[in-house]
Amino acid sequence: MNVIKDTFFEGERPCFAVHDTRFERVKIYPGEAVGESAMKHAHNIEAFQCEFFGKYPFWHNENLVIDHCLFPIAGRTAIWYSKNVKVLNTQVDAPKMFRECDNIYVENVRFADAQETGWNCRDIELRNVDVKNGDYFFVNARNVTVDNLTLEGNYSFQDAQNVVLRNSHLTSKDAFWGAENVTVYDSVIDGEFMGWHSKNLRLVNCTIRGTQALCYCQNLVMENCIMEGTDLCFEYSTVNADIVSDIISVKNPTGGRIHAKAIGEIVIDAHCVNPGACDITVSS
């Protein structure tokens, strides 16, 4: 593998189609002509302690390892249409980091502005990741494994499929909206309208916070969960739920069973589909 280190590149596509190369302590600048796409169509690339100040540095790449690097605000929209990507121990201050990528591994990475990151990506693993300003994080993603994600940003994992998430804390309005085949273990999800229109959402040992949670769900399963500040839950949902806390109110569930420590109010009104089809019980 070639090694390029302790230098800089600037301008339009300075390392276009480079391959079998390791970059160490290299800085990428747009230059006077406001260049971009520094390493477009590259393959078999390693970047260590590099800084990317230009837009679109890694488009249409394959076999990419990025370690201890920096993507400042100007290095936006960094990795699109790429395969086999590892990002490790890196600071990302720019939005839209990933899109239309396959086989992504991200570990020990901090996203300071993760808006619209991860759209339409497949085969993703996230470990020890901290996300700020992460609206629309990994929308429409497929085959996602997550361990220890802290996320602040709304609409996370909307329309995602085949997701397993563990030991995480999402502060996110509309999380998992329209998602399918999602299992969440030992996590906190804090935000209103969580899980609407989802299919096969399973929550195990989780804490759910926020108004109108888990409505319009199909085949919702909750095991040993806590619900805090949750009212008007489960509207038009089919559910199998064991809740070890109180629930403020439950409204118009479509079917299944709900067991909670206590429920402040059960609303079954004239608009309920199949009234009485959901078995609702309390411990106290």
C-alpha atoms as a PDB file:
ATOM      1  CA  MET A   1       0.000   0.000   0.000  1.00  0.00           C
ATOM      2  CA  ASN A   2       1.313   3.457  -0.898  1.00  0.00           C
ATOM      3  CA  VAL A   3       1.692   5.957   1.972  1.00  0.00           C
ATOM      4  CA  ILE A   4       1.124   9.714   1.663  1.00  0.00           C
ATOM      5  CA  LYS A   5       1.672  11.742   4.822  1.00  0.00           C
ATOM      6  CA  ASP A   6       2.198  15.184   6.325  1.00  0.00           C
ATOM      7  CA  THR A   7       0.960  17.144   3.322  1.00  0.00           C
ATOM      8  CA  PHE A   8      -2.202  18.727   1.896  1.00  0.00           C
ATOM      9  CA  PHE A   9      -4.300  18.683  -1.265  1.00  0.00           C
ATOM     10  CA  GLU A  10      -6.677  21.273  -2.647  1.00  0.00           C
ATOM     11  CA  GLY A  11      -8.845  22.042  -5.627  1.00  0.00           C
ATOM     12  CA  GLU A  12     -11.166  19.846  -7.663  1.00  0.00           C
ATOM     13  CA  ARG A  13     -10.724  16.050  -7.311  1.00  0.00           C
ATOM     14  CA  PRO A  14      -7.019  16.144  -6.348  1.00  0.00           C
ATOM     15  CA  CYS A  15      -6.936  12.413  -5.557  1.00  0.00           C
ATOM     16  CA  PHE A  16      -9.511  11.183  -8.057  1.00  0.00           C
ATOM     17  CA  ALA A  17      -9.608   7.373  -8.420  1.00  0.00           C
ATOM     18  CA  VAL A  18      -6.671   6.886  -6.052  1.00  0.00           C
ATOM     19  CA  HIS A  19      -6.302   3.307  -4.815  1.00  0.00           C
ATOM     20  CA  ASP A  20      -4.294   1.154  -2.441  1.00  0.00           C
ATOM     21  CA  THR A  21      -3.139   4.208  -0.515  1.00  0.00           C
ATOM     22  CA  ARG A  22      -2.830   5.189   3.136  1.00  0.00           C
ATOM     23  CA  PHE A  23      -3.101   8.901   3.994  1.00  0.00           C
ATOM     24  CA  GLU A  24      -1.548  10.010   7.290  1.00  0.00           C
ATOM     25  CA  ARG A  25      -1.946  13.524   8.729  1.00  0.00           C
ATOM     26  CA  VAL A  26      -3.144  14.843   5.373  1.00  0.00           C
ATOM     27  CA  LYS A  27      -5.422  17.877   5.049  1.00  0.00           C
ATOM     28  CA  ILE A  28      -7.909  18.343   2.236  1.00  0.00           C
ATOM     29  CA  TYR A  29      -8.865  21.932   1.320  1.00  0.00           C
ATOM     30  CA  PRO A  30     -11.280  23.238  -1.324  1.00  0.00           C
ATOM     31  CA  GLY A  31      -8.684  25.713  -2.606  1.00  0.00           C
ATOM     32  CA  GLU A  32      -9.246  29.032  -4.337  1.00  0.00           C
ATOM     33  CA  ALA A  33     -11.429  27.421  -7.000  1.00  0.00           C
ATOM     34  CA  VAL A  34     -13.690  25.919  -4.301  1.00  0.00           C
ATOM     35  CA  GLY A  35     -12.882  22.364  -5.308  1.00  0.00           C
ATOM     36  CA  GLU A  36     -14.606  19.263  -4.001  1.00  0.00           C
ATOM     37  CA  SER A  37     -14.778  15.457  -4.321  1.00  0.00           C
ATOM     38  CA  ALA A  38     -11.163  14.944  -3.255  1.00  0.00           C
ATOM     39  CA  MET A  39     -11.125  11.137  -3.372  1.00  0.00           C
ATOM     40  CA  LYS A  40     -14.061  10.343  -5.637  1.00  0.00           C
ATOM     41  CA  HIS A  41     -14.108   6.833  -7.174  1.00  0.00           C
ATOM     42  CA  ALA A  42     -11.284   5.661  -4.890  1.00  0.00           C
ATOM     43  CA  HIS A  43     -10.814   2.163  -3.480  1.00  0.00           C
ATOM     44  CA  ASN A  44      -8.700   0.444  -0.845  1.00  0.00           C
ATOM     45  CA  ILE A  45      -8.074   3.668   1.084  1.00  0.00           C
ATOM     46  CA  GLU A  46      -6.976   4.305   4.672  1.00  0.00           C
ATOM     47  CA  ALA A  47      -7.070   7.753   6.278  1.00  0.00           C
ATOM     48  CA  PHE A  48      -5.420   8.318   9.655  1.00  0.00           C
ATOM     49  CA  GLN A  49      -5.425  11.652  11.527  1.00  0.00           C
ATOM     50  CA  CYS A  50      -6.602  13.473   8.413  1.00  0.00           C
ATOM     51  CA  GLU A  51      -8.811  16.566   8.144  1.00  0.00           C
ATOM     52  CA  PHE A  52     -11.374  17.100   5.403  1.00  0.00           C
ATOM     53  CA  PHE A  53     -12.353  20.733   4.779  1.00  0.00           C
ATOM     54  CA  GLY A  54     -13.822  20.163   1.302  1.00  0.00           C
ATOM     55  CA  LYS A  55     -17.268  18.844   0.377  1.00  0.00           C
ATOM     56  CA  TYR A  56     -17.989  15.339  -0.896  1.00  0.00           C
ATOM     57  CA  PRO A  57     -14.560  13.791  -0.179  1.00  0.00           C
ATOM     58  CA  PHE A  58     -15.539  10.109  -0.459  1.00  0.00           C
ATOM     59  CA  TRP A  59     -18.162   9.455  -3.150  1.00  0.00           C
ATOM     60  CA  HIS A  60     -18.351   6.134  -4.970  1.00  0.00           C
ATOM     61  CA  ASN A  61     -15.614   4.626  -2.798  1.00  0.00           C
ATOM     62  CA  GLU A  62     -15.024   0.998  -1.895  1.00  0.00           C
ATOM     63  CA  ASN A  63     -13.031  -0.451   1.005  1.00  0.00           C
ATOM     64  CA  LEU A  64     -12.483   2.665   3.076  1.00  0.00           C
ATOM     65  CA  VAL A  65     -11.070   2.970   6.627  1.00  0.00           C
ATOM     66  CA  ILE A  66     -11.171   6.354   8.382  1.00  0.00           C
ATOM     67  CA  ASP A  67      -9.523   6.511  11.811  1.00  0.00           C
ATOM     68  CA  HIS A  68      -8.924   9.462  14.178  1.00  0.00           C
ATOM     69  CA  CYS A  69     -10.007  11.962  11.535  1.00  0.00           C
ATOM     70  CA  LEU A  70     -11.892  15.267  11.532  1.00  0.00           C
ATOM     71  CA  PHE A  71     -14.736  16.385   9.284  1.00  0.00           C
ATOM     72  CA  PRO A  72     -15.317  20.091  10.043  1.00  0.00           C
ATOM     73  CA  ILE A  73     -18.518  21.842   9.008  1.00  0.00           C
ATOM     74  CA  ALA A  74     -17.154  22.422   5.498  1.00  0.00           C
ATOM     75  CA  GLY A  75     -16.579  18.688   5.009  1.00  0.00           C
ATOM     76  CA  ARG A  76     -20.265  17.961   4.575  1.00  0.00           C
ATOM     77  CA  THR A  77     -21.958  15.177   2.650  1.00  0.00           C
ATOM     78  CA  ALA A  78     -18.785  13.180   3.018  1.00  0.00           C
ATOM     79  CA  ILE A  79     -19.464   9.504   2.229  1.00  0.00           C
ATOM     80  CA  TRP A  80     -22.135   8.696  -0.361  1.00  0.00           C
ATOM     81  CA  TYR A  81     -22.674   5.776  -2.753  1.00  0.00           C
ATOM     82  CA  SER A  82     -19.869   3.768  -1.113  1.00  0.00           C
ATOM     83  CA  LYS A  83     -19.299   0.187   0.067  1.00  0.00           C
ATOM     84  CA  ASN A  84     -17.337  -1.391   2.912  1.00  0.00           C
ATOM     85  CA  VAL A  85     -16.711   1.669   5.061  1.00  0.00           C
ATOM     86  CA  LYS A  86     -15.245   1.834   8.571  1.00  0.00           C
ATOM     87  CA  VAL A  87     -15.213   5.088  10.533  1.00  0.00           C
ATOM     88  CA  LEU A  88     -13.416   4.899  13.890  1.00  0.00           C
ATOM     89  CA  ASN A  89     -12.509   7.372  16.658  1.00  0.00           C
ATOM     90  CA  THR A  90     -13.551  10.330  14.528  1.00  0.00           C
ATOM     91  CA  GLN A  91     -15.201  13.744  15.001  1.00  0.00           C
ATOM     92  CA  VAL A  92     -17.869  14.699  12.468  1.00  0.00           C
ATOM     93  CA  ASP A  93     -19.086  18.308  12.648  1.00  0.00           C
ATOM     94  CA  ALA A  94     -20.769  18.301   9.235  1.00  0.00           C
ATOM     95  CA  PRO A  95     -24.248  17.031   8.272  1.00  0.00           C
ATOM     96  CA  LYS A  96     -25.300  14.298   5.839  1.00  0.00           C
ATOM     97  CA  MET A  97     -22.287  12.060   6.508  1.00  0.00           C
ATOM     98  CA  PHE A  98     -23.594   8.844   4.892  1.00  0.00           C
ATOM     99  CA  ARG A  99     -26.123   8.183   2.158  1.00  0.00           C
ATOM    100  CA  GLU A 100     -26.816   5.236  -0.163  1.00  0.00           C
ATOM    101  CA  CYS A 101     -23.976   3.207   1.374  1.00  0.00           C
ATOM    102  CA  ASP A 102     -23.557  -0.533   1.998  1.00  0.00           C
ATOM    103  CA  ASN A 103     -21.705  -2.275   4.829  1.00  0.00           C
ATOM    104  CA  ILE A 104     -20.910   0.578   7.242  1.00  0.00           C
ATOM    105  CA  TYR A 105     -19.148   0.110  10.590  1.00  0.00           C
ATOM    106  CA  VAL A 106     -18.985   3.136  12.931  1.00  0.00           C
ATOM    107  CA  GLU A 107     -17.314   3.015  16.363  1.00  0.00           C
ATOM    108  CA  ASN A 108     -16.334   5.704  18.883  1.00  0.00           C
ATOM    109  CA  VAL A 109     -17.570   8.530  16.683  1.00  0.00           C
ATOM    110  CA  ARG A 110     -19.124  11.848  17.691  1.00  0.00           C
ATOM    111  CA  PHE A 111     -21.507  13.635  15.325  1.00  0.00           C
ATOM    112  CA  ALA A 112     -21.970  17.301  16.252  1.00  0.00           C
ATOM    113  CA  ASP A 113     -24.450  17.942  13.420  1.00  0.00           C
ATOM    114  CA  ALA A 114     -25.930  14.710  12.111  1.00  0.00           C
ATOM    115  CA  GLN A 115     -28.882  16.071  10.154  1.00  0.00           C
ATOM    116  CA  GLU A 116     -29.970  13.694   7.402  1.00  0.00           C
ATOM    117  CA  THR A 117     -27.164  11.249   8.116  1.00  0.00           C
ATOM    118  CA  GLY A 118     -27.470   7.657   6.944  1.00  0.00           C
ATOM    119  CA  TRP A 119     -30.382   7.840   4.502  1.00  0.00           C
ATOM    120  CA  ASN A 120     -31.033   4.719   2.434  1.00  0.00           C
ATOM    121  CA  CYS A 121     -28.049   2.810   3.814  1.00  0.00           C
ATOM    122  CA  ARG A 122     -27.813  -0.959   4.267  1.00  0.00           C
ATOM    123  CA  ASP A 123     -25.944  -3.327   6.585  1.00  0.00           C
ATOM    124  CA  ILE A 124     -24.910  -0.888   9.296  1.00  0.00           C
ATOM    125  CA  GLU A 125     -23.293  -1.366  12.702  1.00  0.00           C
ATOM    126  CA  LEU A 126     -22.992   1.504  15.192  1.00  0.00           C
ATOM    127  CA  ARG A 127     -21.057   1.202  18.476  1.00  0.00           C
ATOM    128  CA  ASN A 128     -20.413   3.908  21.067  1.00  0.00           C
ATOM    129  CA  VAL A 129     -21.780   6.724  18.943  1.00  0.00           C
ATOM    130  CA  ASP A 130     -22.869  10.165  20.200  1.00  0.00           C
ATOM    131  CA  VAL A 131     -25.200  12.203  17.990  1.00  0.00           C
ATOM    132  CA  LYS A 132     -26.315  15.817  18.289  1.00  0.00           C
ATOM    133  CA  ASN A 133     -28.731  17.668  15.991  1.00  0.00           C
ATOM    134  CA  GLY A 134     -29.556  14.337  14.403  1.00  0.00           C
ATOM    135  CA  ASP A 135     -32.894  14.952  12.689  1.00  0.00           C
ATOM    136  CA  TYR A 136     -33.762  12.151  10.245  1.00  0.00           C
ATOM    137  CA  PHE A 137     -30.908   9.919  11.441  1.00  0.00           C
ATOM    138  CA  PHE A 138     -30.721   6.728   9.349  1.00  0.00           C
ATOM    139  CA  VAL A 139     -34.082   7.133   7.638  1.00  0.00           C
ATOM    140  CA  ASN A 140     -35.041   4.147   5.478  1.00  0.00           C
ATOM    141  CA  ALA A 141     -32.000   2.155   6.635  1.00  0.00           C
ATOM    142  CA  ARG A 142     -31.906  -1.634   6.316  1.00  0.00           C
ATOM    143  CA  ASN A 143     -30.230  -4.242   8.549  1.00  0.00           C
ATOM    144  CA  VAL A 144     -28.975  -2.066  11.410  1.00  0.00           C
ATOM    145  CA  THR A 145     -27.226  -3.156  14.619  1.00  0.00           C
ATOM    146  CA  VAL A 146     -26.715  -0.525  17.339  1.00  0.00           C
ATOM    147  CA  ASP A 147     -25.027  -0.691  20.749  1.00  0.00           C
ATOM    148  CA  ASN A 148     -24.624   2.370  23.003  1.00  0.00           C
ATOM    149  CA  LEU A 149     -26.047   5.160  20.863  1.00  0.00           C
ATOM    150  CA  THR A 150     -26.860   8.517  22.446  1.00  0.00           C
ATOM    151  CA  LEU A 151     -28.950  10.569  20.056  1.00  0.00           C
ATOM    152  CA  GLU A 152     -30.581  13.993  20.164  1.00  0.00           C
ATOM    153  CA  GLY A 153     -32.624  14.539  17.026  1.00  0.00           C
ATOM    154  CA  ASN A 154     -36.138  13.968  15.788  1.00  0.00           C
ATOM    155  CA  TYR A 155     -37.527  11.438  13.286  1.00  0.00           C
ATOM    156  CA  SER A 156     -34.769   8.891  13.912  1.00  0.00           C
ATOM    157  CA  PHE A 157     -34.915   5.539  12.115  1.00  0.00           C
ATOM    158  CA  GLN A 158     -38.108   6.414  10.260  1.00  0.00           C
ATOM    159  CA  ASP A 159     -39.115   3.670   7.797  1.00  0.00           C
ATOM    160  CA  ALA A 160     -36.070   1.608   8.830  1.00  0.00           C
ATOM    161  CA  GLN A 161     -36.247  -2.176   8.640  1.00  0.00           C
ATOM    162  CA  ASN A 162     -34.518  -4.994  10.495  1.00  0.00           C
ATOM    163  CA  VAL A 163     -33.043  -2.985  13.366  1.00  0.00           C
ATOM    164  CA  VAL A 164     -31.615  -4.243  16.686  1.00  0.00           C
ATOM    165  CA  LEU A 165     -30.767  -1.484  19.179  1.00  0.00           C
ATOM    166  CA  ARG A 166     -29.244  -1.985  22.647  1.00  0.00           C
ATOM    167  CA  ASN A 167     -28.135   0.131  25.629  1.00  0.00           C
ATOM    168  CA  SER A 168     -29.078   3.420  23.994  1.00  0.00           C
ATOM    169  CA  HIS A 169     -30.823   6.697  24.774  1.00  0.00           C
ATOM    170  CA  LEU A 170     -32.795   8.410  22.036  1.00  0.00           C
ATOM    171  CA  THR A 171     -34.224  11.869  22.611  1.00  0.00           C
ATOM    172  CA  SER A 172     -36.273  11.871  19.458  1.00  0.00           C
ATOM    173  CA  LYS A 173     -39.762  12.896  18.435  1.00  0.00           C
ATOM    174  CA  ASP A 174     -41.346  10.387  16.026  1.00  0.00           C
ATOM    175  CA  ALA A 175     -38.640   7.747  16.538  1.00  0.00           C
ATOM    176  CA  PHE A 176     -39.215   4.527  14.555  1.00  0.00           C
ATOM    177  CA  TRP A 177     -42.184   6.028  12.701  1.00  0.00           C
ATOM    178  CA  GLY A 178     -43.197   3.523  10.022  1.00  0.00           C
ATOM    179  CA  ALA A 179     -40.303   1.200  10.953  1.00  0.00           C
ATOM    180  CA  GLU A 180     -40.563  -2.566  10.548  1.00  0.00           C
ATOM    181  CA  ASN A 181     -38.958  -5.518  12.350  1.00  0.00           C
ATOM    182  CA  VAL A 182     -37.292  -3.489  15.107  1.00  0.00           C
ATOM    183  CA  THR A 183     -36.160  -4.816  18.512  1.00  0.00           C
ATOM    184  CA  VAL A 184     -34.931  -2.433  21.221  1.00  0.00           C
ATOM    185  CA  TYR A 185     -33.286  -3.721  24.414  1.00  0.00           C
ATOM    186  CA  ASP A 186     -32.391  -1.902  27.656  1.00  0.00           C
ATOM    187  CA  SER A 187     -32.856   1.590  26.252  1.00  0.00           C
ATOM    188  CA  VAL A 188     -34.634   4.902  26.832  1.00  0.00           C
ATOM    189  CA  ILE A 189     -36.716   6.536  24.118  1.00  0.00           C
ATOM    190  CA  ASP A 190     -37.780  10.037  25.056  1.00  0.00           C
ATOM    191  CA  GLY A 191     -40.117  11.888  22.693  1.00  0.00           C
ATOM    192  CA  GLU A 192     -43.706  12.145  21.609  1.00  0.00           C
ATOM    193  CA  PHE A 193     -45.416  10.059  18.917  1.00  0.00           C
ATOM    194  CA  MET A 194     -42.882   7.265  19.235  1.00  0.00           C
ATOM    195  CA  GLY A 195     -43.350   4.246  16.973  1.00  0.00           C
ATOM    196  CA  TRP A 196     -46.434   5.331  15.039  1.00  0.00           C
ATOM    197  CA  HIS A 197     -47.357   3.132  12.055  1.00  0.00           C
ATOM    198  CA  SER A 198     -44.625   0.607  12.913  1.00  0.00           C
ATOM    199  CA  LYS A 199     -44.842  -3.127  12.267  1.00  0.00           C
ATOM    200  CA  ASN A 200     -43.297  -5.799  14.477  1.00  0.00           C
ATOM    201  CA  LEU A 201     -41.766  -3.365  16.982  1.00  0.00           C
ATOM    202  CA  ARG A 202     -40.511  -5.133  20.127  1.00  0.00           C
ATOM    203  CA  LEU A 203     -39.353  -3.264  23.237  1.00  0.00           C
ATOM    204  CA  VAL A 204     -37.578  -5.169  26.036  1.00  0.00           C
ATOM    205  CA  ASN A 205     -36.604  -3.594  29.379  1.00  0.00           C
ATOM    206  CA  CYS A 206     -37.113  -0.117  27.937  1.00  0.00           C
ATOM    207  CA  THR A 207     -38.322   3.226  29.278  1.00  0.00           C
ATOM    208  CA  ILE A 208     -40.703   5.148  27.027  1.00  0.00           C
ATOM    209  CA  ARG A 209     -41.476   8.833  27.609  1.00  0.00           C
ATOM    210  CA  GLY A 210     -43.762  11.243  25.806  1.00  0.00           C
ATOM    211  CA  THR A 211     -47.342  11.815  24.781  1.00  0.00           C
ATOM    212  CA  GLN A 212     -49.317   9.609  22.398  1.00  0.00           C
ATOM    213  CA  ALA A 213     -46.773   6.826  22.217  1.00  0.00           C
ATOM    214  CA  LEU A 214     -47.138   3.721  20.066  1.00  0.00           C
ATOM    215  CA  CYS A 215     -50.270   4.421  18.053  1.00  0.00           C
ATOM    216  CA  TYR A 216     -51.264   2.732  14.776  1.00  0.00           C
ATOM    217  CA  CYS A 217     -48.804  -0.100  15.480  1.00  0.00           C
ATOM    218  CA  GLN A 218     -49.163  -3.610  14.109  1.00  0.00           C
ATOM    219  CA  ASN A 219     -47.924  -6.459  16.299  1.00  0.00           C
ATOM    220  CA  LEU A 220     -46.354  -4.291  18.990  1.00  0.00           C
ATOM    221  CA  VAL A 221     -44.659  -6.239  21.818  1.00  0.00           C
ATOM    222  CA  MET A 222     -43.487  -4.688  25.108  1.00  0.00           C
ATOM    223  CA  GLU A 223     -41.725  -6.748  27.778  1.00  0.00           C
ATOM    224  CA  ASN A 224     -40.933  -5.403  31.259  1.00  0.00           C
ATOM    225  CA  CYS A 225     -41.154  -1.765  30.137  1.00  0.00           C
ATOM    226  CA  ILE A 226     -41.650   1.535  31.976  1.00  0.00           C
ATOM    227  CA  MET A 227     -43.853   4.301  30.551  1.00  0.00           C
ATOM    228  CA  GLU A 228     -43.338   7.806  31.982  1.00  0.00           C
ATOM    229  CA  GLY A 229     -45.503  10.788  31.090  1.00  0.00           C
ATOM    230  CA  THR A 230     -47.285   8.705  28.465  1.00  0.00           C
ATOM    231  CA  ASP A 231     -50.900   9.493  27.711  1.00  0.00           C
ATOM    232  CA  LEU A 232     -53.329   8.475  24.967  1.00  0.00           C
ATOM    233  CA  CYS A 233     -51.153   5.466  24.180  1.00  0.00           C
ATOM    234  CA  PHE A 234     -51.815   2.555  21.809  1.00  0.00           C
ATOM    235  CA  GLU A 235     -54.552   4.172  19.727  1.00  0.00           C
ATOM    236  CA  TYR A 236     -55.513   1.836  16.876  1.00  0.00           C
ATOM    237  CA  SER A 237     -52.655  -0.546  17.776  1.00  0.00           C
ATOM    238  CA  THR A 238     -52.544  -4.301  18.160  1.00  0.00           C
ATOM    239  CA  VAL A 239     -50.384  -4.855  21.198  1.00  0.00           C
ATOM    240  CA  ASN A 240     -49.016  -7.400  23.673  1.00  0.00           C
ATOM    241  CA  ALA A 241     -47.646  -5.260  26.493  1.00  0.00           C
ATOM    242  CA  ASP A 242     -46.390  -5.871  30.029  1.00  0.00           C
ATOM    243  CA  ILE A 243     -45.781  -2.479  31.659  1.00  0.00           C
ATOM    244  CA  VAL A 244     -44.219  -2.369  35.133  1.00  0.00           C
ATOM    245  CA  SER A 245     -45.201   1.265  35.748  1.00  0.00           C
ATOM    246  CA  ASP A 246     -48.320   3.395  35.668  1.00  0.00           C
ATOM    247  CA  ILE A 247     -49.711   4.714  32.376  1.00  0.00           C
ATOM    248  CA  ILE A 248     -51.515   8.057  32.343  1.00  0.00           C
ATOM    249  CA  SER A 249     -54.065   6.944  29.744  1.00  0.00           C
ATOM    250  CA  VAL A 250     -54.757   4.342  27.070  1.00  0.00           C
ATOM    251  CA  LYS A 251     -56.952   5.154  24.091  1.00  0.00           C
ATOM    252  CA  ASN A 252     -58.789   2.928  21.617  1.00  0.00           C
ATOM    253  CA  PRO A 253     -56.412  -0.025  21.239  1.00  0.00           C
ATOM    254  CA  THR A 254     -57.476  -2.302  18.398  1.00  0.00           C
ATOM    255  CA  GLY A 255     -56.598  -5.670  19.900  1.00  0.00           C
ATOM    256  CA  GLY A 256     -54.300  -7.824  21.995  1.00  0.00           C
ATOM    257  CA  ARG A 257     -53.545  -7.290  25.676  1.00  0.00           C
ATOM    258  CA  ILE A 258     -52.138  -4.573  27.939  1.00  0.00           C
ATOM    259  CA  HIS A 259     -51.111  -5.150  31.543  1.00  0.00           C
ATOM    260  CA  ALA A 260     -49.785  -2.260  33.634  1.00  0.00           C
ATOM    261  CA  LYS A 261     -49.193  -1.427  37.268  1.00  0.00           C
ATOM    262  CA  ALA A 262     -52.013   1.107  36.998  1.00  0.00           C
ATOM    263  CA  ILE A 263     -53.776   3.093  34.270  1.00  0.00           C
ATOM    264  CA  GLY A 264     -55.160   6.538  35.054  1.00  0.00           C
ATOM    265  CA  GLU A 265     -57.785   6.504  32.290  1.00  0.00           C
ATOM    266  CA  ILE A 266     -58.959   4.065  29.645  1.00  0.00           C
ATOM    267  CA  VAL A 267     -60.625   5.856  26.736  1.00  0.00           C
ATOM    268  CA  ILE A 268     -62.869   3.751  24.541  1.00  0.00           C
ATOM    269  CA  ASP A 269     -64.936   6.144  22.465  1.00  0.00           C
ATOM    270  CA  ALA A 270     -67.258   5.977  19.487  1.00  0.00           C
ATOM    271  CA  HIS A 271     -64.325   5.917  17.065  1.00  0.00           C
ATOM    272  CA  CYS A 272     -62.724   2.778  18.521  1.00  0.00           C
ATOM    273  CA  VAL A 273     -62.166  -0.108  16.113  1.00  0.00           C
ATOM    274  CA  ASN A 274     -63.267  -3.384  17.681  1.00  0.00           C
ATOM    275  CA  PRO A 275     -64.122  -1.997  21.129  1.00  0.00           C
ATOM    276  CA  GLY A 276     -63.421  -4.538  23.820  1.00  0.00           C
ATOM    277  CA  ALA A 277     -61.054  -6.590  21.621  1.00  0.00           C
ATOM    278  CA  CYS A 278     -58.045  -5.565  23.720  1.00  0.00           C
ATOM    279  CA  ASP A 279     -57.758  -7.146  27.178  1.00  0.00           C
ATOM    280  CA  ILE A 280     -56.633  -4.390  29.592  1.00  0.00           C
ATOM    281  CA  THR A 281     -55.632  -5.310  33.173  1.00  0.00           C
ATOM    282  CA  VAL A 282     -53.806  -3.659  36.063  1.00  0.00           C
ATOM    283  CA  SER A 283     -51.933  -4.937  39.104  1.00  0.00           C
ATOM    284  CA  SER A 284     -53.365  -2.468  41.608  1.00  0.00           C
END
